[in-house]
Amino acid sequence: MRRFGSSCGGGRPPVLVTRERLVADLREFGLQAGDTVMLHASVAHIGWIVGGADQVLHAILDVLGEAGTLMMYIGWDGSPYDVTFGAPEVPEVLQQAWPAFEPETAKAVPG
């Protein structure tokens, strides 16, 4: 996939990356309907994505279609991973209070 400039400095406007542009670039890269893809992406390197980072996922799914398979590492905004890393178990109080992962609504970690 092409790397887009995202800098807002230097007197140049940022490159705006649309879902349609992502779909076109993915197809140019060789991705096609029915493929199986393992995804790990640095959204910051793509550029200023119109509609936010979720548009990358939507563009990939647009290209793969229903016959394709998308595999990816799951980390979400609000994950207890950083707080519980290295702990032998998640403390009971966190288990009760922390929201569960909801695949339909969970957002990617902005960083």
N, C-alpha and C. Protein backbone atom coordinates (compact mmCIF):
# COMPACT_ATOMS: atom_id res chain seq x y z
N MET A 1 0.84 -1.17 0.00
CA MET A 1 0.00 0.00 0.00
C MET A 1 0.89 1.23 0.00
N ARG A 2 0.45 2.21 -0.64
CA ARG A 2 1.14 3.47 -0.75
C ARG A 2 1.22 4.15 0.61
N ARG A 3 2.30 4.84 0.87
CA ARG A 3 2.43 5.60 2.11
C ARG A 3 2.01 7.04 1.82
N PHE A 4 1.13 7.56 2.66
CA PHE A 4 0.61 8.90 2.48
C PHE A 4 1.24 9.84 3.47
N GLY A 5 1.52 11.06 3.04
CA GLY A 5 2.05 12.06 3.96
C GLY A 5 0.95 12.57 4.86
N SER A 6 1.24 12.68 6.14
CA SER A 6 0.20 13.13 7.06
C SER A 6 0.55 14.42 7.78
N SER A 7 1.65 15.02 7.40
CA SER A 7 2.12 16.20 8.11
C SER A 7 1.19 17.39 7.89
N CYS A 8 0.90 18.07 8.97
CA CYS A 8 0.10 19.29 8.88
C CYS A 8 1.00 20.52 8.89
N GLY A 9 2.29 20.32 9.05
CA GLY A 9 3.21 21.43 9.10
C GLY A 9 3.81 21.73 7.74
N GLY A 10 4.70 22.70 7.69
CA GLY A 10 5.42 23.02 6.47
C GLY A 10 4.60 23.76 5.43
N GLY A 11 3.43 24.28 5.83
CA GLY A 11 2.64 25.06 4.89
C GLY A 11 1.89 24.22 3.86
N ARG A 12 1.94 22.90 3.96
CA ARG A 12 1.21 22.06 3.02
C ARG A 12 0.05 21.39 3.75
N PRO A 13 -1.10 21.34 3.08
CA PRO A 13 -2.22 20.65 3.73
C PRO A 13 -1.95 19.15 3.77
N PRO A 14 -2.51 18.44 4.75
CA PRO A 14 -2.31 16.99 4.80
C PRO A 14 -3.02 16.30 3.63
N VAL A 15 -2.51 15.14 3.26
CA VAL A 15 -3.17 14.34 2.25
C VAL A 15 -4.38 13.69 2.91
N LEU A 16 -5.55 13.89 2.32
CA LEU A 16 -6.76 13.28 2.86
C LEU A 16 -6.96 11.93 2.19
N VAL A 17 -7.07 10.89 3.00
CA VAL A 17 -7.21 9.54 2.50
C VAL A 17 -8.65 9.09 2.73
N THR A 18 -9.35 8.80 1.66
CA THR A 18 -10.73 8.36 1.76
C THR A 18 -10.82 6.84 1.73
N ARG A 19 -11.94 6.33 2.12
CA ARG A 19 -12.19 4.88 2.05
C ARG A 19 -12.07 4.40 0.61
N GLU A 20 -12.58 5.18 -0.33
CA GLU A 20 -12.51 4.82 -1.74
C GLU A 20 -11.05 4.74 -2.21
N ARG A 21 -10.22 5.67 -1.75
CA ARG A 21 -8.80 5.66 -2.12
C ARG A 21 -8.11 4.42 -1.53
N LEU A 22 -8.45 4.09 -0.29
CA LEU A 22 -7.90 2.90 0.34
C LEU A 22 -8.27 1.64 -0.44
N VAL A 23 -9.54 1.54 -0.84
CA VAL A 23 -9.99 0.38 -1.62
C VAL A 23 -9.20 0.28 -2.92
N ALA A 24 -9.06 1.39 -3.62
CA ALA A 24 -8.31 1.39 -4.88
C ALA A 24 -6.85 0.97 -4.66
N ASP A 25 -6.22 1.49 -3.61
CA ASP A 25 -4.83 1.15 -3.32
C ASP A 25 -4.68 -0.31 -2.93
N LEU A 26 -5.61 -0.83 -2.16
CA LEU A 26 -5.55 -2.24 -1.77
C LEU A 26 -5.66 -3.15 -3.00
N ARG A 27 -6.54 -2.78 -3.91
CA ARG A 27 -6.68 -3.57 -5.14
C ARG A 27 -5.43 -3.46 -6.01
N GLU A 28 -4.86 -2.27 -6.07
CA GLU A 28 -3.61 -2.07 -6.82
C GLU A 28 -2.48 -2.91 -6.21
N PHE A 29 -2.50 -3.03 -4.90
CA PHE A 29 -1.51 -3.82 -4.16
C PHE A 29 -1.66 -5.32 -4.45
N GLY A 30 -2.87 -5.71 -4.88
CA GLY A 30 -3.10 -7.11 -5.24
C GLY A 30 -4.15 -7.82 -4.40
N LEU A 31 -4.71 -7.14 -3.41
CA LEU A 31 -5.75 -7.75 -2.59
C LEU A 31 -7.01 -7.92 -3.42
N GLN A 32 -7.67 -9.06 -3.27
CA GLN A 32 -8.89 -9.29 -4.04
C GLN A 32 -9.92 -10.06 -3.23
N ALA A 33 -11.14 -10.07 -3.73
CA ALA A 33 -12.24 -10.76 -3.06
C ALA A 33 -11.86 -12.21 -2.83
N GLY A 34 -12.21 -12.70 -1.64
CA GLY A 34 -11.95 -14.09 -1.29
C GLY A 34 -10.59 -14.36 -0.69
N ASP A 35 -9.70 -13.38 -0.67
CA ASP A 35 -8.36 -13.56 -0.09
C ASP A 35 -8.45 -13.74 1.43
N THR A 36 -7.37 -14.26 1.99
CA THR A 36 -7.19 -14.32 3.43
C THR A 36 -6.03 -13.39 3.77
N VAL A 37 -6.26 -12.49 4.70
CA VAL A 37 -5.28 -11.46 5.03
C VAL A 37 -5.04 -11.41 6.52
N MET A 38 -3.77 -11.30 6.91
CA MET A 38 -3.40 -11.05 8.30
C MET A 38 -3.03 -9.57 8.36
N LEU A 39 -3.70 -8.82 9.20
CA LEU A 39 -3.53 -7.37 9.24
C LEU A 39 -2.88 -6.92 10.54
N HIS A 40 -1.88 -6.09 10.38
CA HIS A 40 -1.30 -5.33 11.48
C HIS A 40 -0.91 -4.00 10.84
N ALA A 41 -1.54 -2.93 11.23
CA ALA A 41 -1.34 -1.67 10.53
C ALA A 41 -0.96 -0.55 11.47
N SER A 42 -0.12 0.35 10.97
CA SER A 42 0.16 1.60 11.65
C SER A 42 -0.65 2.65 10.91
N VAL A 43 -1.78 2.96 11.46
CA VAL A 43 -2.69 3.90 10.81
C VAL A 43 -2.05 5.27 10.62
N ALA A 44 -1.17 5.66 11.52
CA ALA A 44 -0.51 6.96 11.41
C ALA A 44 0.31 7.08 10.13
N HIS A 45 0.80 5.97 9.61
CA HIS A 45 1.61 6.01 8.39
C HIS A 45 0.77 6.10 7.12
N ILE A 46 -0.52 5.90 7.24
CA ILE A 46 -1.38 5.99 6.06
C ILE A 46 -1.66 7.45 5.73
N GLY A 47 -1.90 8.25 6.73
CA GLY A 47 -2.20 9.66 6.50
C GLY A 47 -3.45 10.06 7.27
N TRP A 48 -4.02 11.18 6.87
CA TRP A 48 -5.21 11.70 7.52
C TRP A 48 -6.40 11.00 6.89
N ILE A 49 -7.00 10.06 7.62
CA ILE A 49 -8.06 9.22 7.08
C ILE A 49 -9.41 9.89 7.34
N VAL A 50 -10.09 10.23 6.26
CA VAL A 50 -11.40 10.85 6.35
C VAL A 50 -12.36 9.84 6.98
N GLY A 51 -12.97 10.20 8.11
CA GLY A 51 -13.88 9.30 8.80
C GLY A 51 -13.22 8.50 9.91
N GLY A 52 -11.90 8.62 10.05
CA GLY A 52 -11.20 7.95 11.14
C GLY A 52 -10.62 6.60 10.77
N ALA A 53 -9.89 6.05 11.72
CA ALA A 53 -9.14 4.81 11.50
C ALA A 53 -10.02 3.62 11.13
N ASP A 54 -11.27 3.62 11.54
CA ASP A 54 -12.17 2.51 11.20
C ASP A 54 -12.33 2.34 9.69
N GLN A 55 -12.09 3.41 8.94
CA GLN A 55 -12.24 3.34 7.49
C GLN A 55 -11.24 2.38 6.84
N VAL A 56 -10.09 2.17 7.49
CA VAL A 56 -9.10 1.20 6.98
C VAL A 56 -9.71 -0.19 7.03
N LEU A 57 -10.28 -0.54 8.15
CA LEU A 57 -10.92 -1.85 8.30
C LEU A 57 -12.06 -2.01 7.30
N HIS A 58 -12.90 -0.98 7.19
CA HIS A 58 -14.02 -1.06 6.26
C HIS A 58 -13.54 -1.23 4.81
N ALA A 59 -12.47 -0.54 4.44
CA ALA A 59 -11.94 -0.65 3.08
C ALA A 59 -11.43 -2.07 2.80
N ILE A 60 -10.73 -2.65 3.77
CA ILE A 60 -10.23 -4.02 3.60
C ILE A 60 -11.40 -4.98 3.45
N LEU A 61 -12.41 -4.83 4.29
CA LEU A 61 -13.58 -5.70 4.19
C LEU A 61 -14.33 -5.49 2.88
N ASP A 62 -14.35 -4.25 2.38
CA ASP A 62 -14.97 -3.98 1.08
C ASP A 62 -14.31 -4.80 -0.02
N VAL A 63 -12.98 -4.86 0.02
CA VAL A 63 -12.23 -5.59 -1.01
C VAL A 63 -12.37 -7.10 -0.83
N LEU A 64 -12.26 -7.58 0.40
CA LEU A 64 -12.32 -9.02 0.65
C LEU A 64 -13.68 -9.62 0.34
N GLY A 65 -14.73 -8.86 0.59
CA GLY A 65 -16.07 -9.37 0.38
C GLY A 65 -16.42 -10.45 1.40
N GLU A 66 -17.61 -11.02 1.26
CA GLU A 66 -18.06 -12.02 2.22
C GLU A 66 -17.26 -13.32 2.16
N ALA A 67 -16.63 -13.60 1.04
CA ALA A 67 -15.86 -14.83 0.88
C ALA A 67 -14.45 -14.72 1.46
N GLY A 68 -14.01 -13.50 1.77
CA GLY A 68 -12.66 -13.30 2.29
C GLY A 68 -12.57 -13.52 3.78
N THR A 69 -11.33 -13.60 4.27
CA THR A 69 -11.08 -13.78 5.69
C THR A 69 -10.06 -12.74 6.15
N LEU A 70 -10.40 -12.02 7.20
CA LEU A 70 -9.50 -11.04 7.79
C LEU A 70 -9.10 -11.54 9.17
N MET A 71 -7.80 -11.70 9.36
CA MET A 71 -7.27 -12.10 10.66
C MET A 71 -6.46 -10.92 11.20
N MET A 72 -6.58 -10.67 12.49
CA MET A 72 -5.81 -9.58 13.05
C MET A 72 -5.68 -9.73 14.56
N TYR A 73 -4.64 -9.11 15.05
CA TYR A 73 -4.41 -9.03 16.49
C TYR A 73 -5.51 -8.15 17.08
N ILE A 74 -6.06 -8.56 18.18
CA ILE A 74 -7.13 -7.77 18.80
C ILE A 74 -6.58 -6.99 19.98
N GLY A 75 -6.66 -5.70 19.88
CA GLY A 75 -6.37 -4.78 20.96
C GLY A 75 -7.37 -3.65 20.78
N TRP A 76 -8.00 -3.21 21.81
CA TRP A 76 -9.03 -2.20 21.65
C TRP A 76 -8.87 -1.09 22.67
N ASP A 77 -9.43 0.06 22.30
CA ASP A 77 -9.40 1.21 23.19
C ASP A 77 -10.21 0.84 24.43
N GLY A 78 -9.57 0.84 25.57
CA GLY A 78 -10.24 0.45 26.81
C GLY A 78 -9.84 -0.94 27.27
N SER A 79 -8.94 -1.58 26.55
CA SER A 79 -8.46 -2.90 26.95
C SER A 79 -7.75 -2.83 28.28
N PRO A 80 -7.94 -3.82 29.14
CA PRO A 80 -7.24 -3.83 30.44
C PRO A 80 -5.80 -4.32 30.34
N TYR A 81 -5.30 -4.59 29.14
CA TYR A 81 -3.99 -5.19 28.96
C TYR A 81 -2.88 -4.45 29.70
N ASP A 82 -2.76 -3.13 29.47
CA ASP A 82 -1.67 -2.37 30.09
C ASP A 82 -1.75 -2.36 31.61
N VAL A 83 -2.96 -2.32 32.14
CA VAL A 83 -3.14 -2.27 33.59
C VAL A 83 -2.85 -3.62 34.22
N THR A 84 -3.14 -4.70 33.50
CA THR A 84 -3.01 -6.04 34.08
C THR A 84 -1.77 -6.80 33.61
N PHE A 85 -0.96 -6.19 32.75
CA PHE A 85 0.22 -6.89 32.23
C PHE A 85 1.13 -7.34 33.37
N GLY A 86 1.48 -8.60 33.35
CA GLY A 86 2.38 -9.15 34.37
C GLY A 86 1.68 -9.63 35.63
N ALA A 87 0.40 -9.33 35.77
CA ALA A 87 -0.33 -9.79 36.95
C ALA A 87 -0.69 -11.26 36.76
N PRO A 88 -0.62 -12.05 37.82
CA PRO A 88 -0.95 -13.47 37.69
C PRO A 88 -2.42 -13.69 37.32
N GLU A 89 -3.28 -12.76 37.70
CA GLU A 89 -4.69 -12.81 37.31
C GLU A 89 -5.27 -11.41 37.44
N VAL A 90 -6.37 -11.19 36.76
CA VAL A 90 -7.04 -9.88 36.82
C VAL A 90 -7.77 -9.79 38.16
N PRO A 91 -7.49 -8.74 38.93
CA PRO A 91 -8.17 -8.60 40.22
C PRO A 91 -9.70 -8.60 40.06
N GLU A 92 -10.37 -9.20 41.02
CA GLU A 92 -11.84 -9.33 40.98
C GLU A 92 -12.53 -7.99 40.75
N VAL A 93 -12.05 -6.94 41.41
CA VAL A 93 -12.68 -5.63 41.27
C VAL A 93 -12.62 -5.14 39.81
N LEU A 94 -11.51 -5.42 39.11
CA LEU A 94 -11.40 -5.04 37.70
C LEU A 94 -12.28 -5.92 36.82
N GLN A 95 -12.38 -7.19 37.14
CA GLN A 95 -13.23 -8.08 36.36
C GLN A 95 -14.67 -7.59 36.38
N GLN A 96 -15.11 -7.08 37.52
CA GLN A 96 -16.49 -6.62 37.65
C GLN A 96 -16.71 -5.26 36.99
N ALA A 97 -15.70 -4.41 37.03
CA ALA A 97 -15.87 -3.03 36.56
C ALA A 97 -15.51 -2.81 35.09
N TRP A 98 -14.57 -3.60 34.57
CA TRP A 98 -14.06 -3.35 33.22
C TRP A 98 -15.05 -3.80 32.16
N PRO A 99 -15.29 -2.96 31.16
CA PRO A 99 -16.23 -3.38 30.11
C PRO A 99 -15.62 -4.53 29.28
N ALA A 100 -16.47 -5.46 28.92
CA ALA A 100 -16.02 -6.59 28.09
C ALA A 100 -15.79 -6.14 26.66
N PHE A 101 -14.98 -6.89 25.94
CA PHE A 101 -14.76 -6.63 24.52
C PHE A 101 -16.04 -6.90 23.75
N GLU A 102 -16.47 -5.92 22.97
CA GLU A 102 -17.65 -6.05 22.13
C GLU A 102 -17.21 -5.86 20.68
N PRO A 103 -17.10 -6.93 19.90
CA PRO A 103 -16.56 -6.82 18.54
C PRO A 103 -17.34 -5.89 17.63
N GLU A 104 -18.61 -5.69 17.88
CA GLU A 104 -19.43 -4.83 17.01
C GLU A 104 -19.20 -3.34 17.28
N THR A 105 -18.72 -3.00 18.49
CA THR A 105 -18.61 -1.58 18.84
C THR A 105 -17.23 -1.15 19.29
N ALA A 106 -16.32 -2.09 19.55
CA ALA A 106 -15.00 -1.73 20.06
C ALA A 106 -14.21 -0.92 19.04
N LYS A 107 -13.56 0.10 19.49
CA LYS A 107 -12.74 0.96 18.63
C LYS A 107 -11.28 0.56 18.77
N ALA A 108 -10.52 0.80 17.71
CA ALA A 108 -9.08 0.53 17.74
C ALA A 108 -8.40 1.50 18.69
N VAL A 109 -7.28 1.08 19.24
CA VAL A 109 -6.48 1.95 20.10
C VAL A 109 -5.94 3.08 19.22
N PRO A 110 -6.20 4.34 19.55
CA PRO A 110 -5.77 5.46 18.70
C PRO A 110 -4.27 5.49 18.44
N GLY A 111 -3.46 5.06 19.41
CA GLY A 111 -2.02 5.10 19.24
C GLY A 111 -1.52 4.02 18.31
